Amino acid sequence: MHARPAGAVVRAVAPFQASVQVRRDDRAADARSALRLMSLGAEAGTAVTVVATGDDAPEAAAAVAEVLRTAS
């Protein structure tokens, strides 16, 4: 993942209290860290999984999924 989409993910989760991870294969990155997201090496079109826990988890996961959908 490049810096621009990683930054967009970080901005998307900022309003939420949920803990959000983006997973690729056996690796996971905190969605609040652009550096960790970039370290996943997910290029456009790579399948990732968004996992969120907490009170507003569905909304947070949906926000991240939307960013990732439009970034590719």
N, C-alpha and C. Protein backbone atom coordinates (compact mmCIF):
# COMPACT_ATOMS: atom_id res chain seq x y z
N MET A 1 0.85 -1.17 0.00
CA MET A 1 0.00 0.00 0.00
C MET A 1 0.90 1.24 0.00
N HIS A 2 0.58 2.16 -0.85
CA HIS A 2 1.36 3.40 -0.93
C HIS A 2 0.92 4.40 0.14
N ALA A 3 1.66 5.47 0.26
CA ALA A 3 1.43 6.46 1.32
C ALA A 3 0.05 7.11 1.23
N ARG A 4 -0.39 7.46 0.04
CA ARG A 4 -1.67 8.16 -0.08
C ARG A 4 -2.85 7.31 0.39
N PRO A 5 -3.01 6.06 -0.10
CA PRO A 5 -4.12 5.25 0.42
C PRO A 5 -3.95 4.90 1.90
N ALA A 6 -2.73 4.70 2.34
CA ALA A 6 -2.51 4.41 3.77
C ALA A 6 -2.96 5.60 4.62
N GLY A 7 -2.63 6.80 4.20
CA GLY A 7 -3.08 7.99 4.91
C GLY A 7 -4.59 8.14 4.90
N ALA A 8 -5.21 7.75 3.79
CA ALA A 8 -6.67 7.82 3.71
C ALA A 8 -7.31 6.84 4.69
N VAL A 9 -6.72 5.66 4.85
CA VAL A 9 -7.23 4.69 5.82
C VAL A 9 -7.11 5.25 7.23
N VAL A 10 -5.96 5.83 7.55
CA VAL A 10 -5.74 6.41 8.88
C VAL A 10 -6.78 7.50 9.16
N ARG A 11 -7.03 8.35 8.17
CA ARG A 11 -8.04 9.40 8.36
C ARG A 11 -9.44 8.81 8.50
N ALA A 12 -9.71 7.71 7.81
CA ALA A 12 -11.04 7.09 7.86
C ALA A 12 -11.35 6.51 9.23
N VAL A 13 -10.33 5.96 9.92
CA VAL A 13 -10.59 5.36 11.23
C VAL A 13 -10.51 6.35 12.38
N ALA A 14 -10.00 7.53 12.13
CA ALA A 14 -9.79 8.52 13.20
C ALA A 14 -11.04 8.83 14.02
N PRO A 15 -12.22 8.96 13.43
CA PRO A 15 -13.39 9.30 14.24
C PRO A 15 -13.94 8.14 15.08
N PHE A 16 -13.43 6.95 14.89
CA PHE A 16 -13.98 5.76 15.54
C PHE A 16 -13.14 5.34 16.74
N GLN A 17 -13.82 4.70 17.70
CA GLN A 17 -13.14 4.17 18.88
C GLN A 17 -12.66 2.74 18.66
N ALA A 18 -13.20 2.07 17.66
CA ALA A 18 -12.90 0.66 17.41
C ALA A 18 -11.42 0.45 17.12
N SER A 19 -10.96 -0.74 17.44
CA SER A 19 -9.63 -1.19 17.05
C SER A 19 -9.78 -1.82 15.67
N VAL A 20 -8.99 -1.37 14.71
CA VAL A 20 -9.13 -1.84 13.34
C VAL A 20 -7.78 -2.32 12.82
N GLN A 21 -7.79 -3.50 12.23
CA GLN A 21 -6.60 -4.05 11.59
C GLN A 21 -6.89 -4.35 10.14
N VAL A 22 -5.86 -4.21 9.31
CA VAL A 22 -5.92 -4.65 7.93
C VAL A 22 -4.97 -5.84 7.84
N ARG A 23 -5.47 -6.96 7.32
CA ARG A 23 -4.67 -8.18 7.27
C ARG A 23 -4.45 -8.62 5.83
N ARG A 24 -3.25 -9.09 5.60
CA ARG A 24 -2.88 -9.66 4.31
C ARG A 24 -2.11 -10.93 4.60
N ASP A 25 -2.62 -12.04 4.13
CA ASP A 25 -2.01 -13.35 4.40
C ASP A 25 -1.86 -13.52 5.91
N ASP A 26 -0.65 -13.72 6.39
CA ASP A 26 -0.44 -13.94 7.82
C ASP A 26 0.07 -12.69 8.53
N ARG A 27 -0.03 -11.54 7.88
CA ARG A 27 0.45 -10.28 8.46
C ARG A 27 -0.72 -9.36 8.75
N ALA A 28 -0.58 -8.54 9.79
CA ALA A 28 -1.64 -7.60 10.16
C ALA A 28 -1.01 -6.25 10.48
N ALA A 29 -1.77 -5.19 10.21
CA ALA A 29 -1.31 -3.83 10.51
C ALA A 29 -2.44 -3.05 11.15
N ASP A 30 -2.08 -2.27 12.15
CA ASP A 30 -3.03 -1.36 12.79
C ASP A 30 -3.43 -0.30 11.77
N ALA A 31 -4.73 -0.13 11.58
CA ALA A 31 -5.22 0.83 10.59
C ALA A 31 -4.97 2.28 10.98
N ARG A 32 -4.48 2.52 12.18
CA ARG A 32 -4.15 3.88 12.61
C ARG A 32 -2.70 4.25 12.34
N SER A 33 -1.95 3.34 11.72
CA SER A 33 -0.54 3.57 11.44
C SER A 33 -0.25 3.44 9.95
N ALA A 34 -0.01 4.56 9.29
CA ALA A 34 0.28 4.54 7.85
C ALA A 34 1.54 3.71 7.56
N LEU A 35 2.55 3.83 8.41
CA LEU A 35 3.78 3.06 8.19
C LEU A 35 3.52 1.56 8.24
N ARG A 36 2.76 1.14 9.21
CA ARG A 36 2.46 -0.30 9.32
C ARG A 36 1.61 -0.77 8.14
N LEU A 37 0.67 0.06 7.71
CA LEU A 37 -0.13 -0.30 6.54
C LEU A 37 0.74 -0.45 5.30
N MET A 38 1.66 0.46 5.12
CA MET A 38 2.55 0.39 3.96
C MET A 38 3.44 -0.85 4.02
N SER A 39 3.78 -1.29 5.23
CA SER A 39 4.65 -2.45 5.37
C SER A 39 3.97 -3.76 4.97
N LEU A 40 2.65 -3.77 4.80
CA LEU A 40 1.97 -4.97 4.36
C LEU A 40 2.32 -5.33 2.92
N GLY A 41 2.74 -4.35 2.14
CA GLY A 41 3.09 -4.61 0.75
C GLY A 41 1.89 -4.94 -0.12
N ALA A 42 0.74 -4.46 0.25
CA ALA A 42 -0.48 -4.73 -0.52
C ALA A 42 -0.57 -3.74 -1.68
N GLU A 43 -0.41 -4.25 -2.88
CA GLU A 43 -0.55 -3.42 -4.08
C GLU A 43 -2.03 -3.34 -4.46
N ALA A 44 -2.35 -2.44 -5.36
CA ALA A 44 -3.73 -2.34 -5.84
C ALA A 44 -4.18 -3.69 -6.35
N GLY A 45 -5.37 -4.12 -5.92
CA GLY A 45 -5.92 -5.39 -6.34
C GLY A 45 -5.60 -6.55 -5.41
N THR A 46 -4.73 -6.32 -4.42
CA THR A 46 -4.39 -7.37 -3.45
C THR A 46 -5.57 -7.56 -2.49
N ALA A 47 -5.92 -8.80 -2.22
CA ALA A 47 -7.00 -9.10 -1.28
C ALA A 47 -6.50 -8.88 0.15
N VAL A 48 -7.25 -8.11 0.90
CA VAL A 48 -6.96 -7.89 2.32
C VAL A 48 -8.26 -8.11 3.10
N THR A 49 -8.10 -8.30 4.39
CA THR A 49 -9.24 -8.46 5.29
C THR A 49 -9.21 -7.33 6.31
N VAL A 50 -10.35 -6.71 6.55
CA VAL A 50 -10.46 -5.66 7.56
C VAL A 50 -11.16 -6.27 8.77
N VAL A 51 -10.50 -6.17 9.93
CA VAL A 51 -11.04 -6.73 11.17
C VAL A 51 -11.16 -5.58 12.18
N ALA A 52 -12.35 -5.41 12.72
CA ALA A 52 -12.59 -4.34 13.69
C ALA A 52 -13.29 -4.89 14.91
N THR A 53 -12.90 -4.39 16.08
CA THR A 53 -13.55 -4.77 17.32
C THR A 53 -13.88 -3.51 18.12
N GLY A 54 -14.99 -3.54 18.81
CA GLY A 54 -15.41 -2.39 19.61
C GLY A 54 -16.83 -1.98 19.29
N ASP A 55 -17.31 -0.98 20.02
CA ASP A 55 -18.70 -0.55 19.89
C ASP A 55 -19.07 -0.10 18.48
N ASP A 56 -18.19 0.63 17.83
CA ASP A 56 -18.50 1.14 16.50
C ASP A 56 -17.73 0.38 15.41
N ALA A 57 -17.43 -0.88 15.68
CA ALA A 57 -16.64 -1.69 14.75
C ALA A 57 -17.26 -1.82 13.36
N PRO A 58 -18.56 -2.08 13.23
CA PRO A 58 -19.11 -2.20 11.87
C PRO A 58 -18.93 -0.93 11.04
N GLU A 59 -19.13 0.20 11.66
CA GLU A 59 -18.99 1.47 10.94
C GLU A 59 -17.53 1.73 10.57
N ALA A 60 -16.62 1.43 11.50
CA ALA A 60 -15.19 1.64 11.24
C ALA A 60 -14.72 0.73 10.12
N ALA A 61 -15.11 -0.53 10.16
CA ALA A 61 -14.72 -1.48 9.11
C ALA A 61 -15.27 -1.05 7.76
N ALA A 62 -16.51 -0.60 7.75
CA ALA A 62 -17.12 -0.14 6.49
C ALA A 62 -16.39 1.07 5.93
N ALA A 63 -15.97 1.99 6.81
CA ALA A 63 -15.24 3.18 6.36
C ALA A 63 -13.90 2.79 5.73
N VAL A 64 -13.20 1.86 6.35
CA VAL A 64 -11.92 1.40 5.80
C VAL A 64 -12.14 0.67 4.48
N ALA A 65 -13.12 -0.21 4.45
CA ALA A 65 -13.41 -0.95 3.22
C ALA A 65 -13.72 -0.01 2.06
N GLU A 66 -14.47 1.04 2.34
CA GLU A 66 -14.81 2.02 1.29
C GLU A 66 -13.55 2.71 0.77
N VAL A 67 -12.66 3.11 1.68
CA VAL A 67 -11.41 3.75 1.25
C VAL A 67 -10.61 2.79 0.39
N LEU A 68 -10.47 1.56 0.83
CA LEU A 68 -9.69 0.59 0.08
C LEU A 68 -10.32 0.27 -1.28
N ARG A 69 -11.64 0.23 -1.32
CA ARG A 69 -12.35 -0.03 -2.58
C ARG A 69 -12.09 1.08 -3.59
N THR A 70 -12.11 2.31 -3.14
CA THR A 70 -11.95 3.45 -4.05
C THR A 70 -10.48 3.76 -4.35
N ALA A 71 -9.57 3.22 -3.53
CA ALA A 71 -8.14 3.49 -3.75
C ALA A 71 -7.55 2.61 -4.83
N SER A 72 -8.23 1.53 -5.19
CA SER A 72 -7.65 0.61 -6.17
C SER A 72 -8.00 0.98 -7.58
